[in-house]
């Protein structure tokens, strides 16, 4: 079994495009964390409801995911994302 983590970030309307690009780069940098098995960041092709960034991650198990959440690099990126977006999370085991 693997632990799956999906996040949809809805970027606030007043955020400049260069800040979105920086956010994508910051999110992509988290792929380097040792607890991450698979990491994908994409921008939704459908922008009818605004600019949406998609984070799709796979971890070996819930312990690996917990280690990811506690990592200072993840906490830093999460804090930055909270300034420019709202998000919805879907976690599940497959």
PDB file of N, CA and C in Angstrom:
ATOM      1  N   UNK A   1       0.832  -1.193   0.000  1.00  0.00           N
ATOM      2  CA  UNK A   1       0.000   0.000   0.000  1.00  0.00           C
ATOM      3  C   UNK A   1       0.875   1.254   0.000  1.00  0.00           C
ATOM      4  N   UNK A   2       0.390   2.293  -0.640  1.00  0.00           N
ATOM      5  CA  UNK A   2       1.079   3.573  -0.645  1.00  0.00           C
ATOM      6  C   UNK A   2       0.121   4.664  -0.165  1.00  0.00           C
ATOM      7  N   UNK A   3       0.706   5.720   0.345  1.00  0.00           N
ATOM      8  CA  UNK A   3      -0.055   6.864   0.836  1.00  0.00           C
ATOM      9  C   UNK A   3      -0.052   7.920  -0.263  1.00  0.00           C
ATOM     10  N   UNK A   4      -1.231   8.326  -0.683  1.00  0.00           N
ATOM     11  CA  UNK A   4      -1.369   9.311  -1.756  1.00  0.00           C
ATOM     12  C   UNK A   4      -1.845  10.637  -1.164  1.00  0.00           C
ATOM     13  N   UNK A   5      -1.283  11.723  -1.683  1.00  0.00           N
ATOM     14  CA  UNK A   5      -1.570  13.069  -1.175  1.00  0.00           C
ATOM     15  C   UNK A   5      -1.808  13.971  -2.382  1.00  0.00           C
ATOM     16  N   UNK A   6      -3.023  14.511  -2.490  1.00  0.00           N
ATOM     17  CA  UNK A   6      -3.383  15.382  -3.609  1.00  0.00           C
ATOM     18  C   UNK A   6      -3.852  16.720  -3.040  1.00  0.00           C
ATOM     19  N   UNK A   7      -3.301  17.803  -3.586  1.00  0.00           N
ATOM     20  CA  UNK A   7      -3.692  19.145  -3.135  1.00  0.00           C
ATOM     21  C   UNK A   7      -4.050  19.975  -4.358  1.00  0.00           C
ATOM     22  N   UNK A   8      -5.158  20.689  -4.266  1.00  0.00           N
ATOM     23  CA  UNK A   8      -5.524  21.679  -5.280  1.00  0.00           C
ATOM     24  C   UNK A   8      -5.388  23.047  -4.635  1.00  0.00           C
ATOM     25  N   UNK A   9      -4.473  23.849  -5.159  1.00  0.00           N
ATOM     26  CA  UNK A   9      -4.253  25.217  -4.666  1.00  0.00           C
ATOM     27  C   UNK A   9      -5.001  26.170  -5.580  1.00  0.00           C
ATOM     28  N   UNK A  10      -5.928  26.918  -5.037  1.00  0.00           N
ATOM     29  CA  UNK A  10      -6.634  27.940  -5.809  1.00  0.00           C
ATOM     30  C   UNK A  10      -5.930  29.269  -5.513  1.00  0.00           C
ATOM     31  N   UNK A  11      -5.200  29.763  -6.495  1.00  0.00           N
ATOM     32  CA  UNK A  11      -4.414  30.995  -6.336  1.00  0.00           C
ATOM     33  C   UNK A  11      -5.356  32.194  -6.232  1.00  0.00           C
ATOM     34  N   UNK A  12      -5.096  33.065  -5.274  1.00  0.00           N
ATOM     35  CA  UNK A  12      -5.905  34.276  -5.122  1.00  0.00           C
ATOM     36  C   UNK A  12      -5.814  35.124  -6.391  1.00  0.00           C
ATOM     37  N   UNK A  13      -6.919  35.781  -6.715  1.00  0.00           N
ATOM     38  CA  UNK A  13      -7.007  36.550  -7.958  1.00  0.00           C
ATOM     39  C   UNK A  13      -5.995  37.684  -8.050  1.00  0.00           C
ATOM     40  N   UNK A  14      -5.605  38.266  -6.927  1.00  0.00           N
ATOM     41  CA  UNK A  14      -4.707  39.423  -6.962  1.00  0.00           C
ATOM     42  C   UNK A  14      -3.219  39.056  -7.004  1.00  0.00           C
ATOM     43  N   UNK A  15      -2.898  37.777  -7.068  1.00  0.00           N
ATOM     44  CA  UNK A  15      -1.504  37.335  -7.076  1.00  0.00           C
ATOM     45  C   UNK A  15      -0.928  37.495  -8.479  1.00  0.00           C
ATOM     46  N   UNK A  16       0.236  38.127  -8.546  1.00  0.00           N
ATOM     47  CA  UNK A  16       0.914  38.349  -9.825  1.00  0.00           C
ATOM     48  C   UNK A  16       1.418  37.024 -10.403  1.00  0.00           C
ATOM     49  N   UNK A  17       1.480  36.958 -11.720  1.00  0.00           N
ATOM     50  CA  UNK A  17       1.888  35.732 -12.400  1.00  0.00           C
ATOM     51  C   UNK A  17       3.305  35.304 -12.023  1.00  0.00           C
ATOM     52  N   UNK A  18       4.208  36.254 -11.822  1.00  0.00           N
ATOM     53  CA  UNK A  18       5.581  35.877 -11.445  1.00  0.00           C
ATOM     54  C   UNK A  18       5.613  35.206 -10.065  1.00  0.00           C
ATOM     55  N   UNK A  19       4.662  35.558  -9.205  1.00  0.00           N
ATOM     56  CA  UNK A  19       4.579  34.901  -7.894  1.00  0.00           C
ATOM     57  C   UNK A  19       4.043  33.474  -8.025  1.00  0.00           C
ATOM     58  N   UNK A  20       3.182  33.249  -8.997  1.00  0.00           N
ATOM     59  CA  UNK A  20       2.697  31.891  -9.263  1.00  0.00           C
ATOM     60  C   UNK A  20       3.856  31.035  -9.761  1.00  0.00           C
ATOM     61  N   UNK A  21       4.671  31.586 -10.643  1.00  0.00           N
ATOM     62  CA  UNK A  21       5.838  30.862 -11.158  1.00  0.00           C
ATOM     63  C   UNK A  21       6.786  30.502 -10.020  1.00  0.00           C
ATOM     64  N   UNK A  22       7.013  31.424  -9.100  1.00  0.00           N
ATOM     65  CA  UNK A  22       7.860  31.140  -7.934  1.00  0.00           C
ATOM     66  C   UNK A  22       7.252  30.053  -7.064  1.00  0.00           C
ATOM     67  N   UNK A  23       5.938  30.070  -6.911  1.00  0.00           N
ATOM     68  CA  UNK A  23       5.254  29.046  -6.112  1.00  0.00           C
ATOM     69  C   UNK A  23       5.418  27.669  -6.745  1.00  0.00           C
ATOM     70  N   UNK A  24       5.286  27.591  -8.054  1.00  0.00           N
ATOM     71  CA  UNK A  24       5.469  26.316  -8.754  1.00  0.00           C
ATOM     72  C   UNK A  24       6.892  25.811  -8.526  1.00  0.00           C
ATOM     73  N   UNK A  25       7.875  26.692  -8.656  1.00  0.00           N
ATOM     74  CA  UNK A  25       9.272  26.294  -8.429  1.00  0.00           C
ATOM     75  C   UNK A  25       9.476  25.797  -6.999  1.00  0.00           C
ATOM     76  N   UNK A  26       8.891  26.492  -6.035  1.00  0.00           N
ATOM     77  CA  UNK A  26       9.032  26.083  -4.637  1.00  0.00           C
ATOM     78  C   UNK A  26       8.383  24.723  -4.395  1.00  0.00           C
ATOM     79  N   UNK A  27       7.197  24.532  -4.949  1.00  0.00           N
ATOM     80  CA  UNK A  27       6.529  23.234  -4.804  1.00  0.00           C
ATOM     81  C   UNK A  27       7.350  22.124  -5.456  1.00  0.00           C
ATOM     82  N   UNK A  28       7.869  22.378  -6.634  1.00  0.00           N
ATOM     83  CA  UNK A  28       8.677  21.355  -7.330  1.00  0.00           C
ATOM     84  C   UNK A  28       9.921  20.984  -6.539  1.00  0.00           C
ATOM     85  N   UNK A  29      10.465  21.921  -5.792  1.00  0.00           N
ATOM     86  CA  UNK A  29      11.684  21.643  -5.022  1.00  0.00           C
ATOM     87  C   UNK A  29      11.458  20.582  -3.941  1.00  0.00           C
ATOM     88  N   UNK A  30      10.206  20.399  -3.515  1.00  0.00           N
ATOM     89  CA  UNK A  30       9.917  19.422  -2.469  1.00  0.00           C
ATOM     90  C   UNK A  30      10.076  17.982  -2.954  1.00  0.00           C
ATOM     91  N   UNK A  31      10.157  17.780  -4.247  1.00  0.00           N
ATOM     92  CA  UNK A  31      10.377  16.436  -4.794  1.00  0.00           C
ATOM     93  C   UNK A  31      11.698  15.853  -4.309  1.00  0.00           C
ATOM     94  N   UNK A  32      12.625  16.711  -3.904  1.00  0.00           N
ATOM     95  CA  UNK A  32      13.954  16.284  -3.465  1.00  0.00           C
ATOM     96  C   UNK A  32      13.961  15.692  -2.054  1.00  0.00           C
ATOM     97  N   UNK A  33      12.884  15.856  -1.312  1.00  0.00           N
ATOM     98  CA  UNK A  33      12.857  15.336   0.053  1.00  0.00           C
ATOM     99  C   UNK A  33      12.922  13.811   0.033  1.00  0.00           C
ATOM    100  N   UNK A  34      13.702  13.224   0.931  1.00  0.00           N
ATOM    101  CA  UNK A  34      13.939  11.779   0.879  1.00  0.00           C
ATOM    102  C   UNK A  34      12.705  10.914   1.109  1.00  0.00           C
ATOM    103  N   UNK A  35      11.686  11.431   1.744  1.00  0.00           N
ATOM    104  CA  UNK A  35      10.491  10.631   2.033  1.00  0.00           C
ATOM    105  C   UNK A  35       9.519  10.567   0.855  1.00  0.00           C
ATOM    106  N   UNK A  36       9.762  11.344  -0.191  1.00  0.00           N
ATOM    107  CA  UNK A  36       8.866  11.421  -1.342  1.00  0.00           C
ATOM    108  C   UNK A  36       9.224  10.331  -2.353  1.00  0.00           C
ATOM    109  N   UNK A  37       8.228   9.529  -2.738  1.00  0.00           N
ATOM    110  CA  UNK A  37       8.447   8.509  -3.766  1.00  0.00           C
ATOM    111  C   UNK A  37       8.137   9.032  -5.161  1.00  0.00           C
ATOM    112  N   UNK A  38       7.062   9.787  -5.288  1.00  0.00           N
ATOM    113  CA  UNK A  38       6.685  10.370  -6.583  1.00  0.00           C
ATOM    114  C   UNK A  38       6.079  11.733  -6.310  1.00  0.00           C
ATOM    115  N   UNK A  39       6.391  12.701  -7.158  1.00  0.00           N
ATOM    116  CA  UNK A  39       5.968  14.080  -6.911  1.00  0.00           C
ATOM    117  C   UNK A  39       5.660  14.747  -8.234  1.00  0.00           C
ATOM    118  N   UNK A  40       4.468  15.284  -8.342  1.00  0.00           N
ATOM    119  CA  UNK A  40       4.065  15.973  -9.570  1.00  0.00           C
ATOM    120  C   UNK A  40       3.388  17.292  -9.210  1.00  0.00           C
ATOM    121  N   UNK A  41       3.799  18.323  -9.913  1.00  0.00           N
ATOM    122  CA  UNK A  41       3.182  19.638  -9.781  1.00  0.00           C
ATOM    123  C   UNK A  41       2.762  20.058 -11.187  1.00  0.00           C
ATOM    124  N   UNK A  42       1.527  20.484 -11.317  1.00  0.00           N
ATOM    125  CA  UNK A  42       1.032  20.926 -12.621  1.00  0.00           C
ATOM    126  C   UNK A  42       0.057  22.079 -12.410  1.00  0.00           C
ATOM    127  N   UNK A  43      -0.164  22.778 -13.486  1.00  0.00           N
ATOM    128  CA  UNK A  43      -1.161  23.843 -13.478  1.00  0.00           C
ATOM    129  C   UNK A  43      -2.381  23.325 -14.224  1.00  0.00           C
ATOM    130  N   UNK A  44      -3.556  23.520 -13.652  1.00  0.00           N
ATOM    131  CA  UNK A  44      -4.767  23.034 -14.292  1.00  0.00           C
ATOM    132  C   UNK A  44      -4.963  23.714 -15.640  1.00  0.00           C
ATOM    133  N   UNK A  45      -5.365  22.923 -16.609  1.00  0.00           N
ATOM    134  CA  UNK A  45      -5.662  23.463 -17.935  1.00  0.00           C
ATOM    135  C   UNK A  45      -6.978  24.233 -17.933  1.00  0.00           C
ATOM    136  N   UNK A  46      -7.850  23.913 -16.988  1.00  0.00           N
ATOM    137  CA  UNK A  46      -9.166  24.553 -16.874  1.00  0.00           C
ATOM    138  C   UNK A  46      -9.069  25.680 -15.850  1.00  0.00           C
ATOM    139  N   UNK A  47      -9.167  26.921 -16.309  1.00  0.00           N
ATOM    140  CA  UNK A  47      -9.071  28.071 -15.410  1.00  0.00           C
ATOM    141  C   UNK A  47     -10.404  28.796 -15.248  1.00  0.00           C
ATOM    142  N   UNK A  48     -11.506  28.103 -15.522  1.00  0.00           N
ATOM    143  CA  UNK A  48     -12.821  28.743 -15.388  1.00  0.00           C
ATOM    144  C   UNK A  48     -13.089  29.188 -13.958  1.00  0.00           C
ATOM    145  N   UNK A  49     -12.546  28.482 -12.973  1.00  0.00           N
ATOM    146  CA  UNK A  49     -12.743  28.830 -11.563  1.00  0.00           C
ATOM    147  C   UNK A  49     -11.502  29.500 -10.982  1.00  0.00           C
ATOM    148  N   UNK A  50     -10.573  29.920 -11.828  1.00  0.00           N
ATOM    149  CA  UNK A  50      -9.356  30.580 -11.379  1.00  0.00           C
ATOM    150  C   UNK A  50      -8.133  29.743 -11.681  1.00  0.00           C
ATOM    151  N   UNK A  51      -6.999  30.237 -11.224  1.00  0.00           N
ATOM    152  CA  UNK A  51      -5.728  29.536 -11.434  1.00  0.00           C
ATOM    153  C   UNK A  51      -5.574  28.476 -10.354  1.00  0.00           C
ATOM    154  N   UNK A  52      -5.399  27.238 -10.788  1.00  0.00           N
ATOM    155  CA  UNK A  52      -5.302  26.099  -9.873  1.00  0.00           C
ATOM    156  C   UNK A  52      -3.966  25.391 -10.106  1.00  0.00           C
ATOM    157  N   UNK A  53      -3.229  25.180  -9.008  1.00  0.00           N
ATOM    158  CA  UNK A  53      -2.032  24.345  -9.058  1.00  0.00           C
ATOM    159  C   UNK A  53      -2.382  22.993  -8.449  1.00  0.00           C
ATOM    160  N   UNK A  54      -1.885  21.941  -9.057  1.00  0.00           N
ATOM    161  CA  UNK A  54      -2.169  20.582  -8.611  1.00  0.00           C
ATOM    162  C   UNK A  54      -0.878  19.967  -8.080  1.00  0.00           C
ATOM    163  N   UNK A  55      -0.945  19.461  -6.868  1.00  0.00           N
ATOM    164  CA  UNK A  55       0.169  18.728  -6.263  1.00  0.00           C
ATOM    165  C   UNK A  55      -0.303  17.294  -6.084  1.00  0.00           C
ATOM    166  N   UNK A  56       0.434  16.352  -6.654  1.00  0.00           N
ATOM    167  CA  UNK A  56       0.085  14.936  -6.533  1.00  0.00           C
ATOM    168  C   UNK A  56       1.333  14.201  -6.070  1.00  0.00           C
ATOM    169  N   UNK A  57       1.256  13.581  -4.893  1.00  0.00           N
ATOM    170  CA  UNK A  57       2.436  12.967  -4.292  1.00  0.00           C
ATOM    171  C   UNK A  57       2.137  11.557  -3.811  1.00  0.00           C
ATOM    172  N   UNK A  58       3.199  10.756  -3.807  1.00  0.00           N
ATOM    173  CA  UNK A  58       3.107   9.390  -3.299  1.00  0.00           C
ATOM    174  C   UNK A  58       4.194   9.176  -2.254  1.00  0.00           C
ATOM    175  N   UNK A  59       3.802   8.547  -1.148  1.00  0.00           N
ATOM    176  CA  UNK A  59       4.708   8.219  -0.054  1.00  0.00           C
ATOM    177  C   UNK A  59       4.576   6.730   0.246  1.00  0.00           C
ATOM    178  N   UNK A  60       5.609   6.142   0.797  1.00  0.00           N
ATOM    179  CA  UNK A  60       5.591   4.703   1.087  1.00  0.00           C
ATOM    180  C   UNK A  60       4.478   4.346   2.068  1.00  0.00           C
ATOM    181  N   UNK A  61       4.265   5.218   3.040  1.00  0.00           N
ATOM    182  CA  UNK A  61       3.271   4.937   4.066  1.00  0.00           C
ATOM    183  C   UNK A  61       2.955   6.219   4.825  1.00  0.00           C
ATOM    184  N   UNK A  62       2.093   6.108   5.809  1.00  0.00           N
ATOM    185  CA  UNK A  62       1.682   7.286   6.576  1.00  0.00           C
ATOM    186  C   UNK A  62       2.847   7.890   7.363  1.00  0.00           C
ATOM    187  N   UNK A  63       3.783   7.065   7.805  1.00  0.00           N
ATOM    188  CA  UNK A  63       4.956   7.580   8.527  1.00  0.00           C
ATOM    189  C   UNK A  63       5.823   8.450   7.623  1.00  0.00           C
ATOM    190  N   UNK A  64       5.995   8.022   6.372  1.00  0.00           N
ATOM    191  CA  UNK A  64       6.769   8.823   5.420  1.00  0.00           C
ATOM    192  C   UNK A  64       6.075  10.153   5.160  1.00  0.00           C
ATOM    193  N   UNK A  65       4.748  10.121   5.052  1.00  0.00           N
ATOM    194  CA  UNK A  65       4.003  11.359   4.857  1.00  0.00           C
ATOM    195  C   UNK A  65       4.137  12.271   6.070  1.00  0.00           C
ATOM    196  N   UNK A  66       4.083  11.701   7.263  1.00  0.00           N
ATOM    197  CA  UNK A  66       4.247  12.491   8.488  1.00  0.00           C
ATOM    198  C   UNK A  66       5.622  13.156   8.517  1.00  0.00           C
ATOM    199  N   UNK A  67       6.651  12.426   8.097  1.00  0.00           N
ATOM    200  CA  UNK A  67       8.004  13.001   8.036  1.00  0.00           C
ATOM    201  C   UNK A  67       8.045  14.159   7.047  1.00  0.00           C
ATOM    202  N   UNK A  68       7.360  14.014   5.933  1.00  0.00           N
ATOM    203  CA  UNK A  68       7.277  15.083   4.930  1.00  0.00           C
ATOM    204  C   UNK A  68       6.633  16.330   5.530  1.00  0.00           C
ATOM    205  N   UNK A  69       5.523  16.146   6.216  1.00  0.00           N
ATOM    206  CA  UNK A  69       4.811  17.292   6.793  1.00  0.00           C
ATOM    207  C   UNK A  69       5.629  18.021   7.842  1.00  0.00           C
ATOM    208  N   UNK A  70       6.491  17.314   8.541  1.00  0.00           N
ATOM    209  CA  UNK A  70       7.310  17.918   9.588  1.00  0.00           C
ATOM    210  C   UNK A  70       8.595  18.546   9.064  1.00  0.00           C
ATOM    211  N   UNK A  71       8.965  18.234   7.832  1.00  0.00           N
ATOM    212  CA  UNK A  71      10.215  18.755   7.284  1.00  0.00           C
ATOM    213  C   UNK A  71      10.143  20.288   7.191  1.00  0.00           C
ATOM    214  N   UNK A  72      11.181  20.985   7.638  1.00  0.00           N
ATOM    215  CA  UNK A  72      11.169  22.456   7.604  1.00  0.00           C
ATOM    216  C   UNK A  72      10.988  23.031   6.198  1.00  0.00           C
ATOM    217  N   UNK A  73      11.485  22.327   5.184  1.00  0.00           N
ATOM    218  CA  UNK A  73      11.315  22.823   3.806  1.00  0.00           C
ATOM    219  C   UNK A  73       9.843  22.782   3.409  1.00  0.00           C
ATOM    220  N   UNK A  74       9.150  21.718   3.798  1.00  0.00           N
ATOM    221  CA  UNK A  74       7.719  21.653   3.503  1.00  0.00           C
ATOM    222  C   UNK A  74       6.966  22.735   4.264  1.00  0.00           C
ATOM    223  N   UNK A  75       7.302  22.920   5.525  1.00  0.00           N
ATOM    224  CA  UNK A  75       6.629  23.947   6.321  1.00  0.00           C
ATOM    225  C   UNK A  75       6.823  25.343   5.732  1.00  0.00           C
ATOM    226  N   UNK A  76       8.022  25.608   5.213  1.00  0.00           N
ATOM    227  CA  UNK A  76       8.308  26.903   4.600  1.00  0.00           C
ATOM    228  C   UNK A  76       7.456  27.108   3.346  1.00  0.00           C
ATOM    229  N   UNK A  77       7.421  26.102   2.483  1.00  0.00           N
ATOM    230  CA  UNK A  77       6.630  26.217   1.257  1.00  0.00           C
ATOM    231  C   UNK A  77       5.146  26.330   1.593  1.00  0.00           C
ATOM    232  N   UNK A  78       4.667  25.554   2.555  1.00  0.00           N
ATOM    233  CA  UNK A  78       3.258  25.620   2.955  1.00  0.00           C
ATOM    234  C   UNK A  78       2.904  27.016   3.474  1.00  0.00           C
ATOM    235  N   UNK A  79       3.803  27.610   4.231  1.00  0.00           N
ATOM    236  CA  UNK A  79       3.548  28.969   4.736  1.00  0.00           C
ATOM    237  C   UNK A  79       3.457  29.962   3.586  1.00  0.00           C
ATOM    238  N   UNK A  80       4.346  29.823   2.602  1.00  0.00           N
ATOM    239  CA  UNK A  80       4.300  30.718   1.436  1.00  0.00           C
ATOM    240  C   UNK A  80       3.019  30.509   0.632  1.00  0.00           C
ATOM    241  N   UNK A  81       2.609  29.238   0.478  1.00  0.00           N
ATOM    242  CA  UNK A  81       1.386  28.952  -0.281  1.00  0.00           C
ATOM    243  C   UNK A  81       0.161  29.512   0.436  1.00  0.00           C
ATOM    244  N   UNK A  82       0.178  29.530   1.757  1.00  0.00           N
ATOM    245  CA  UNK A  82      -0.970  30.057   2.496  1.00  0.00           C
ATOM    246  C   UNK A  82      -1.154  31.553   2.272  1.00  0.00           C
ATOM    247  N   UNK A  83      -0.100  32.233   1.864  1.00  0.00           N
ATOM    248  CA  UNK A  83      -0.184  33.670   1.594  1.00  0.00           C
ATOM    249  C   UNK A  83      -0.811  33.971   0.235  1.00  0.00           C
ATOM    250  N   UNK A  84      -0.739  33.017  -0.697  1.00  0.00           N
ATOM    251  CA  UNK A  84      -1.203  33.291  -2.063  1.00  0.00           C
ATOM    252  C   UNK A  84      -2.364  32.411  -2.518  1.00  0.00           C
ATOM    253  N   UNK A  85      -2.805  31.472  -1.661  1.00  0.00           N
ATOM    254  CA  UNK A  85      -3.830  30.538  -2.126  1.00  0.00           C
ATOM    255  C   UNK A  85      -4.668  29.974  -0.976  1.00  0.00           C
ATOM    256  N   UNK A  86      -5.776  29.387  -1.378  1.00  0.00           N
ATOM    257  CA  UNK A  86      -6.559  28.501  -0.519  1.00  0.00           C
ATOM    258  C   UNK A  86      -6.368  27.121  -1.119  1.00  0.00           C
ATOM    259  N   UNK A  87      -6.540  26.054  -0.303  1.00  0.00           N
ATOM    260  CA  UNK A  87      -6.357  24.731  -0.884  1.00  0.00           C
ATOM    261  C   UNK A  87      -7.274  23.701  -0.293  1.00  0.00           C
ATOM    262  N   UNK A  88      -7.417  22.631  -1.076  1.00  0.00           N
ATOM    263  CA  UNK A  88      -8.207  21.462  -0.696  1.00  0.00           C
ATOM    264  C   UNK A  88      -7.308  20.246  -0.808  1.00  0.00           C
ATOM    265  N   UNK A  89      -7.426  19.350   0.177  1.00  0.00           N
ATOM    266  CA  UNK A  89      -6.546  18.195   0.254  1.00  0.00           C
ATOM    267  C   UNK A  89      -7.357  16.910   0.170  1.00  0.00           C
ATOM    268  N   UNK A  90      -6.817  15.962  -0.573  1.00  0.00           N
ATOM    269  CA  UNK A  90      -7.375  14.620  -0.621  1.00  0.00           C
ATOM    270  C   UNK A  90      -6.258  13.631  -0.355  1.00  0.00           C
ATOM    271  N   UNK A  91      -6.301  12.936   0.773  1.00  0.00           N
ATOM    272  CA  UNK A  91      -5.315  11.918   1.117  1.00  0.00           C
ATOM    273  C   UNK A  91      -6.021  10.561   1.138  1.00  0.00           C
ATOM    274  N   UNK A  92      -5.332   9.547   0.615  1.00  0.00           N
ATOM    275  CA  UNK A  92      -5.912   8.210   0.627  1.00  0.00           C
ATOM    276  C   UNK A  92      -4.815   7.170   0.493  1.00  0.00           C
ATOM    277  N   UNK A  93      -5.147   5.932   0.805  1.00  0.00           N
ATOM    278  CA  UNK A  93      -4.212   4.817   0.696  1.00  0.00           C
ATOM    279  C   UNK A  93      -4.647   3.983  -0.501  1.00  0.00           C
ATOM    280  N   UNK A  94      -3.670   3.609  -1.311  1.00  0.00           N
ATOM    281  CA  UNK A  94      -3.996   2.775  -2.476  1.00  0.00           C
ATOM    282  C   UNK A  94      -3.137   1.531  -2.502  1.00  0.00           C
TER     283      UNK A  94
END
